[in-house]
Amino acid sequence: MTSTTPRTAEARRLGPSSAVRLGLLALVAVGIAGAGLELAFERHWQSFTQLIPWVAVAALVVALVLLAVSARTVTVVRVLAGMVLLASAYGVFMHVSVNYGVGAGMDPAWDSLSPLTQWWYALTKTVGAAPPLAPGMLAQSALLLLLATLMPKTRA
C-alpha cells in the first residue's frame, strides 16, 4: 500500500547535490546574460565572424533550458557546451591575432621586439583593442554547464 501523506518539510528540502546543481545553473544563466549584454554593448555584429559568439550564447541558452527541464538530454547539453568551448577558444585566438596585427601595423619598433614579447603585447591588449579574455566568459559558462551535468537531478 502506498502512502498518500504529504511530504515532510525535510523531504521537500533540497539535498546538497541539488543545491549545487541549481547554483551552477544560476551561474550559467548569469554568465549567459553577462556575455549577451557585453556583446550588445560592443555592437558585436559587424561581420560574420562577430556573429559566432551570438550563436554560442544561443547554444548555451538552449543547453541550459534542456538541462533544467530534462535530465535525459545530458549528452546533447555536453555536445553544445563542447561546441561553445571550441568557439570560445577560436574567439581568444581571433582577438589575440587582431591585436597582433594592430601592433605590427602601427608600431615602428614592432620588428625589434622578440616574437614572445609581440604575442604577449597582443594577449595583454597592450596593442589593439580586442579583449582576448572576453570569449572566456562563454567558456566559463560552458564549463559550469558541463559541471552541472555531473550533478544528479533529484526530485524535491
Protein backbone atom coordinates (compact mmCIF):
# COMPACT_ATOMS: atom_id res chain seq x y z
CA MET A 1 0.00 0.00 0.00
CA THR A 2 1.39 3.40 -0.92
CA SER A 3 1.27 6.33 1.39
CA THR A 4 -0.59 9.42 0.25
CA THR A 5 0.54 11.59 3.12
CA PRO A 6 2.15 14.88 2.15
CA ARG A 7 5.89 15.00 2.13
CA THR A 8 7.52 16.31 5.22
CA ALA A 9 9.38 19.62 5.16
CA GLU A 10 12.64 17.70 5.42
CA ALA A 11 11.84 15.63 2.33
CA ARG A 12 10.95 18.76 0.35
CA ARG A 13 14.20 20.48 1.27
CA LEU A 14 16.89 20.39 -1.41
CA GLY A 15 19.74 17.99 -0.87
CA PRO A 16 23.32 19.22 -1.19
CA SER A 17 23.76 17.94 -4.74
CA SER A 18 20.52 19.57 -5.88
CA ALA A 19 21.51 22.86 -4.31
CA VAL A 20 24.91 22.76 -6.02
CA ARG A 21 23.26 21.88 -9.35
CA LEU A 22 20.83 24.78 -9.04
CA GLY A 23 23.70 27.09 -8.09
CA LEU A 24 25.67 26.01 -11.15
CA LEU A 25 22.65 26.55 -13.40
CA ALA A 26 22.13 30.01 -11.89
CA LEU A 27 25.79 30.89 -12.53
CA VAL A 28 25.41 29.71 -16.13
CA ALA A 29 22.34 31.94 -16.53
CA VAL A 30 24.21 34.95 -15.11
CA GLY A 31 27.18 34.25 -17.40
CA ILE A 32 24.94 33.99 -20.44
CA ALA A 33 23.20 37.25 -19.58
CA GLY A 34 26.55 38.99 -18.99
CA ALA A 35 28.03 37.73 -22.25
CA GLY A 36 24.93 38.73 -24.19
CA LEU A 37 24.90 42.21 -22.70
CA GLU A 38 28.62 42.69 -23.34
CA LEU A 39 28.19 41.63 -26.98
CA ALA A 40 25.26 44.02 -27.36
CA PHE A 41 27.11 46.92 -25.71
CA GLU A 42 30.06 46.36 -28.05
CA ARG A 43 27.73 46.06 -31.08
CA HIS A 44 29.38 42.76 -31.85
CA TRP A 45 27.53 42.02 -35.11
CA GLN A 46 29.51 43.90 -37.76
CA SER A 47 30.75 40.81 -39.61
CA PHE A 48 30.01 37.12 -39.97
CA THR A 49 32.84 36.26 -37.56
CA GLN A 50 31.34 38.57 -34.94
CA LEU A 51 28.10 36.55 -35.07
CA ILE A 52 29.84 33.39 -33.80
CA PRO A 53 29.58 34.37 -30.12
CA TRP A 54 25.88 35.11 -30.60
CA VAL A 55 25.41 31.56 -31.85
CA ALA A 56 27.40 30.35 -28.84
CA VAL A 57 25.16 32.34 -26.49
CA ALA A 58 22.07 30.85 -28.15
CA ALA A 59 23.55 27.36 -27.84
CA LEU A 60 24.18 27.94 -24.13
CA VAL A 61 20.60 29.13 -23.64
CA VAL A 62 19.25 26.02 -25.37
CA ALA A 63 21.57 23.77 -23.37
CA LEU A 64 20.63 25.45 -20.09
CA VAL A 65 16.91 25.04 -20.76
CA LEU A 66 17.36 21.42 -21.84
CA LEU A 67 19.32 20.56 -18.71
CA ALA A 68 16.89 22.37 -16.43
CA VAL A 69 13.89 20.65 -17.96
CA SER A 70 15.07 17.11 -18.56
CA ALA A 71 17.91 15.01 -17.22
CA ARG A 72 17.75 12.81 -20.35
CA THR A 73 19.34 15.50 -22.51
CA VAL A 74 22.75 15.37 -20.82
CA THR A 75 24.54 14.20 -23.97
CA VAL A 76 23.06 16.99 -26.08
CA VAL A 77 23.93 19.54 -23.40
CA ARG A 78 27.52 18.28 -23.26
CA VAL A 79 27.89 18.48 -27.05
CA LEU A 80 26.52 22.04 -27.10
CA ALA A 81 28.83 23.05 -24.23
CA GLY A 82 31.78 21.49 -26.06
CA MET A 83 30.94 23.46 -29.19
CA VAL A 84 30.83 26.66 -27.13
CA LEU A 85 34.25 25.82 -25.66
CA LEU A 86 35.65 25.49 -29.19
CA ALA A 87 34.02 28.75 -30.27
CA SER A 88 35.46 30.44 -27.19
CA ALA A 89 38.96 29.18 -27.95
CA TYR A 90 38.55 30.47 -31.51
CA GLY A 91 37.42 33.83 -30.12
CA VAL A 92 40.50 34.14 -27.91
CA PHE A 93 42.71 33.25 -30.88
CA MET A 94 40.98 35.77 -33.14
CA HIS A 95 41.19 38.58 -30.58
CA VAL A 96 44.88 37.98 -29.97
CA SER A 97 45.54 37.75 -33.72
CA VAL A 98 43.73 41.02 -34.39
CA ASN A 99 45.71 42.74 -31.65
CA TYR A 100 48.93 41.30 -33.04
CA GLY A 101 48.08 42.70 -36.47
CA VAL A 102 47.41 46.13 -34.99
CA GLY A 103 50.81 46.09 -33.29
CA ALA A 104 52.55 45.02 -36.46
CA GLY A 105 50.84 47.74 -38.48
CA MET A 106 51.15 50.68 -36.10
CA ASP A 107 54.29 50.36 -34.01
CA PRO A 108 57.54 51.14 -35.89
CA ALA A 109 59.56 49.34 -33.21
CA TRP A 110 57.42 46.19 -33.51
CA ASP A 111 60.00 44.28 -35.56
CA SER A 112 62.70 44.91 -32.96
CA LEU A 113 60.64 43.09 -30.29
CA SER A 114 61.00 39.36 -29.73
CA PRO A 115 58.12 37.22 -31.01
CA LEU A 116 57.28 36.27 -27.42
CA THR A 117 57.02 39.94 -26.46
CA GLN A 118 54.92 40.69 -29.53
CA TRP A 119 52.43 37.93 -28.69
CA TRP A 120 52.44 38.96 -25.02
CA TYR A 121 51.54 42.51 -26.01
CA ALA A 122 48.74 41.17 -28.22
CA LEU A 123 47.43 38.91 -25.44
CA THR A 124 47.52 41.62 -22.78
CA LYS A 125 45.91 44.22 -25.09
CA THR A 126 49.00 46.43 -24.92
CA VAL A 127 48.43 46.74 -28.66
CA GLY A 128 44.99 46.52 -30.22
CA ALA A 129 41.56 46.94 -28.73
CA ALA A 130 40.13 43.41 -28.93
CA PRO A 131 39.70 41.97 -25.41
CA PRO A 132 41.26 38.49 -25.59
CA LEU A 133 39.65 37.26 -22.39
CA ALA A 134 36.10 38.31 -23.27
CA PRO A 135 35.41 35.00 -25.04
CA GLY A 136 36.42 33.37 -21.78
CA MET A 137 33.03 34.36 -20.34
CA LEU A 138 31.44 31.92 -22.75
CA ALA A 139 33.98 29.23 -21.88
CA GLN A 140 33.32 29.71 -18.19
CA SER A 141 29.58 29.32 -18.68
CA ALA A 142 30.11 26.23 -20.82
CA LEU A 143 32.37 24.66 -18.18
CA LEU A 144 29.85 25.43 -15.43
CA LEU A 145 27.16 23.82 -17.56
CA LEU A 146 29.35 20.74 -18.00
CA LEU A 147 29.82 20.58 -14.23
CA ALA A 148 26.06 20.82 -13.76
CA THR A 149 25.62 17.73 -15.98
CA LEU A 150 27.64 15.77 -13.41
CA MET A 151 25.16 16.58 -10.65
CA PRO A 152 22.13 14.28 -10.48
CA LYS A 153 18.74 15.88 -10.91
CA THR A 154 16.71 14.85 -7.89
CA ARG A 155 13.08 15.49 -7.27
CA ALA A 156 12.25 17.64 -4.30
